[in-house]
Amino acid sequence: MKFDLVTVYKAFTSIDAQMIRARLEVAGFHPFVADEISSSVMKCGAVGVGGIRVQVPESEFAEARTFIDTPAE
């Protein structure tokens, strides 16, 4: 099965990206973290390439974006 992934969140540290990925995963979404390795190797390189992207299947985008925007309790 093929999914078209879209960026739902951009982070500039691996910790931020992984925290969002974990929240999404626990909530039942199917997140993927892209560009994390290149930013770790290049230190500040994430800023130059647009950050670390947290992506979800396109069909989950709207609901995932709303979920991220809602403060965690």
Protein backbone atom coordinates (compact mmCIF):
# COMPACT_ATOMS: atom_id res chain seq x y z
CA MET A 1 0.00 0.00 0.00
CA LYS A 2 1.42 3.41 -1.00
CA PHE A 3 0.88 6.56 1.03
CA ASP A 4 1.57 10.09 -0.13
CA LEU A 5 3.22 11.77 2.84
CA VAL A 6 2.78 15.45 3.63
CA THR A 7 4.59 17.58 6.19
CA VAL A 8 2.43 18.30 9.21
CA TYR A 9 5.13 19.82 11.43
CA LYS A 10 8.68 21.20 11.09
CA ALA A 11 11.15 21.09 13.96
CA PHE A 12 14.71 22.29 14.30
CA THR A 13 15.80 19.70 16.88
CA SER A 14 15.48 15.93 16.88
CA ILE A 15 13.89 16.06 20.34
CA ASP A 16 11.01 18.28 19.16
CA ALA A 17 10.43 16.12 16.07
CA GLN A 18 10.43 12.88 18.07
CA MET A 19 8.06 14.29 20.70
CA ILE A 20 5.54 15.27 18.00
CA ARG A 21 6.01 11.89 16.28
CA ALA A 22 5.37 10.08 19.57
CA ARG A 23 2.23 12.12 20.34
CA LEU A 24 0.87 11.43 16.85
CA GLU A 25 1.68 7.72 17.05
CA VAL A 26 -0.03 7.29 20.44
CA ALA A 27 -3.10 9.07 19.02
CA GLY A 28 -3.32 6.52 16.19
CA PHE A 29 -1.70 8.46 13.35
CA HIS A 30 1.06 7.06 11.12
CA PRO A 31 3.90 9.62 11.38
CA PHE A 32 7.29 9.53 9.68
CA VAL A 33 10.29 11.73 10.56
CA ALA A 34 12.25 12.96 7.53
CA ASP A 35 15.63 14.74 7.32
CA GLU A 36 16.56 13.96 10.92
CA ILE A 37 19.91 12.33 10.11
CA SER A 38 21.14 15.14 7.87
CA SER A 39 20.42 17.72 10.56
CA SER A 40 22.23 15.67 13.21
CA VAL A 41 25.31 15.28 11.04
CA MET A 42 25.43 18.91 9.99
CA LYS A 43 24.52 20.38 13.42
CA CYS A 44 22.92 23.66 12.26
CA GLY A 45 22.24 22.24 8.81
CA ALA A 46 18.57 21.71 9.63
CA VAL A 47 17.98 25.45 9.46
CA GLY A 48 19.51 25.58 5.99
CA VAL A 49 17.48 22.69 4.59
CA GLY A 50 14.16 23.60 6.17
CA GLY A 51 14.27 21.66 9.40
CA ILE A 52 13.27 18.16 10.38
CA ARG A 53 9.92 17.25 8.86
CA VAL A 54 7.28 15.20 10.64
CA GLN A 55 5.03 13.74 7.96
CA VAL A 56 1.76 11.82 7.88
CA PRO A 57 -0.26 10.25 5.08
CA GLU A 58 -2.15 12.93 3.16
CA SER A 59 -5.48 11.48 4.32
CA GLU A 60 -4.51 12.16 7.96
CA PHE A 61 -3.17 15.69 7.47
CA ALA A 62 -6.13 17.84 8.58
CA GLU A 63 -6.89 15.77 11.67
CA ALA A 64 -3.18 15.51 12.63
CA ARG A 65 -2.67 19.27 12.22
CA THR A 66 -5.67 19.95 14.50
CA PHE A 67 -4.33 17.42 17.01
CA ILE A 68 -0.88 19.09 17.07
CA ASP A 69 -2.45 22.54 17.51
CA THR A 70 -4.46 21.34 20.52
CA PRO A 71 -2.39 21.66 23.72
CA ALA A 72 -1.49 18.36 25.40
CA GLU A 73 -3.23 17.81 28.73
